Amino acid sequence: MAKITKTTTLEKILEKKSADEILEKNGVPCLSCPMMQFEIDKLKIGDVCKMYGLNLEKILKELNK
């Protein structure tokens, strides 16, 4: 998988094993949102972090381990 950046969509991120656990642990609320299925291919992790005040750098570091 290519390096995950702030412009990577949640759809691509969730292809990575254990990505859902990392996102959940860091407070990304999208995983439990019923609207996610309609937006997953458009939602970029950078935008989600900005919307919810989450630490993008920390999340990217964990996802790219």
C-alpha atoms as a PDB file:
ATOM      1  CA  MET A   1       0.000   0.000   0.000  1.00  0.00           C
ATOM      2  CA  ALA A   2       1.209   3.505  -0.799  1.00  0.00           C
ATOM      3  CA  LYS A   3       2.037   5.916   1.997  1.00  0.00           C
ATOM      4  CA  ILE A   4      -1.068   7.355   3.643  1.00  0.00           C
ATOM      5  CA  THR A   5      -1.234  11.169   3.497  1.00  0.00           C
ATOM      6  CA  LYS A   6      -3.761  13.812   4.496  1.00  0.00           C
ATOM      7  CA  THR A   7      -5.427  13.428   1.078  1.00  0.00           C
ATOM      8  CA  THR A   8      -5.904   9.644   1.320  1.00  0.00           C
ATOM      9  CA  THR A   9      -9.577   8.653   1.467  1.00  0.00           C
ATOM     10  CA  LEU A  10     -11.016   6.582   4.289  1.00  0.00           C
ATOM     11  CA  GLU A  11     -11.907   3.944   1.719  1.00  0.00           C
ATOM     12  CA  LYS A  12      -8.211   3.460   0.828  1.00  0.00           C
ATOM     13  CA  ILE A  13      -7.094   3.649   4.468  1.00  0.00           C
ATOM     14  CA  LEU A  14      -9.549   0.943   5.517  1.00  0.00           C
ATOM     15  CA  GLU A  15      -7.980  -1.448   3.000  1.00  0.00           C
ATOM     16  CA  LYS A  16      -5.023  -1.617   5.382  1.00  0.00           C
ATOM     17  CA  LYS A  17      -5.139  -4.284   8.064  1.00  0.00           C
ATOM     18  CA  SER A  18      -5.875  -2.847  11.531  1.00  0.00           C
ATOM     19  CA  ALA A  19      -6.529   0.665  10.161  1.00  0.00           C
ATOM     20  CA  ASP A  20     -10.011   0.631  11.671  1.00  0.00           C
ATOM     21  CA  GLU A  21      -8.520  -0.021  15.120  1.00  0.00           C
ATOM     22  CA  ILE A  22      -6.064   2.867  14.733  1.00  0.00           C
ATOM     23  CA  LEU A  23      -8.783   5.269  13.570  1.00  0.00           C
ATOM     24  CA  GLU A  24     -11.135   4.207  16.356  1.00  0.00           C
ATOM     25  CA  LYS A  25      -8.417   4.521  19.015  1.00  0.00           C
ATOM     26  CA  ASN A  26      -7.705   8.071  17.830  1.00  0.00           C
ATOM     27  CA  GLY A  27     -11.349   9.155  18.010  1.00  0.00           C
ATOM     28  CA  VAL A  28     -12.283   9.192  14.309  1.00  0.00           C
ATOM     29  CA  PRO A  29     -16.101   9.110  14.564  1.00  0.00           C
ATOM     30  CA  CYS A  30     -16.757   8.209  10.916  1.00  0.00           C
ATOM     31  CA  LEU A  31     -16.539   4.458  11.473  1.00  0.00           C
ATOM     32  CA  SER A  32     -19.782   4.401  13.430  1.00  0.00           C
ATOM     33  CA  CYS A  33     -21.602   6.962  11.278  1.00  0.00           C
ATOM     34  CA  PRO A  34     -24.364   5.540   9.081  1.00  0.00           C
ATOM     35  CA  MET A  35     -23.583   8.142   6.387  1.00  0.00           C
ATOM     36  CA  MET A  36     -20.024   6.851   6.007  1.00  0.00           C
ATOM     37  CA  GLN A  37     -21.043   4.254   3.428  1.00  0.00           C
ATOM     38  CA  PHE A  38     -22.161   7.074   1.112  1.00  0.00           C
ATOM     39  CA  GLU A  39     -19.058   9.240   1.626  1.00  0.00           C
ATOM     40  CA  ILE A  40     -16.218   6.801   2.316  1.00  0.00           C
ATOM     41  CA  ASP A  41     -14.721   7.234  -1.161  1.00  0.00           C
ATOM     42  CA  LYS A  42     -14.714  11.042  -0.798  1.00  0.00           C
ATOM     43  CA  LEU A  43     -13.730  11.590   2.844  1.00  0.00           C
ATOM     44  CA  LYS A  44     -10.045  12.459   3.158  1.00  0.00           C
ATOM     45  CA  ILE A  45      -8.356  11.778   6.492  1.00  0.00           C
ATOM     46  CA  GLY A  46      -6.974  15.330   6.625  1.00  0.00           C
ATOM     47  CA  ASP A  47     -10.457  16.817   6.279  1.00  0.00           C
ATOM     48  CA  VAL A  48     -11.901  14.450   8.886  1.00  0.00           C
ATOM     49  CA  CYS A  49      -9.163  15.375  11.383  1.00  0.00           C
ATOM     50  CA  LYS A  50      -9.699  19.082  10.753  1.00  0.00           C
ATOM     51  CA  MET A  51     -13.488  18.731  11.158  1.00  0.00           C
ATOM     52  CA  TYR A  52     -13.190  16.936  14.494  1.00  0.00           C
ATOM     53  CA  GLY A  53     -10.020  18.560  15.857  1.00  0.00           C
ATOM     54  CA  LEU A  54      -8.000  15.326  15.762  1.00  0.00           C
ATOM     55  CA  ASN A  55      -4.208  15.009  15.653  1.00  0.00           C
ATOM     56  CA  LEU A  56      -3.544  14.306  11.965  1.00  0.00           C
ATOM     57  CA  GLU A  57       0.216  13.848  12.328  1.00  0.00           C
ATOM     58  CA  LYS A  58      -0.203  11.253  15.091  1.00  0.00           C
ATOM     59  CA  ILE A  59      -2.817   9.328  13.120  1.00  0.00           C
ATOM     60  CA  LEU A  60      -0.717   9.365   9.904  1.00  0.00           C
ATOM     61  CA  LYS A  61       2.345   8.187  11.822  1.00  0.00           C
ATOM     62  CA  GLU A  62       0.432   5.234  13.278  1.00  0.00           C
ATOM     63  CA  LEU A  63      -1.233   4.339   9.976  1.00  0.00           C
ATOM     64  CA  ASN A  64       2.089   4.361   8.112  1.00  0.00           C
ATOM     65  CA  LYS A  65       3.933   2.089  10.578  1.00  0.00           C
END
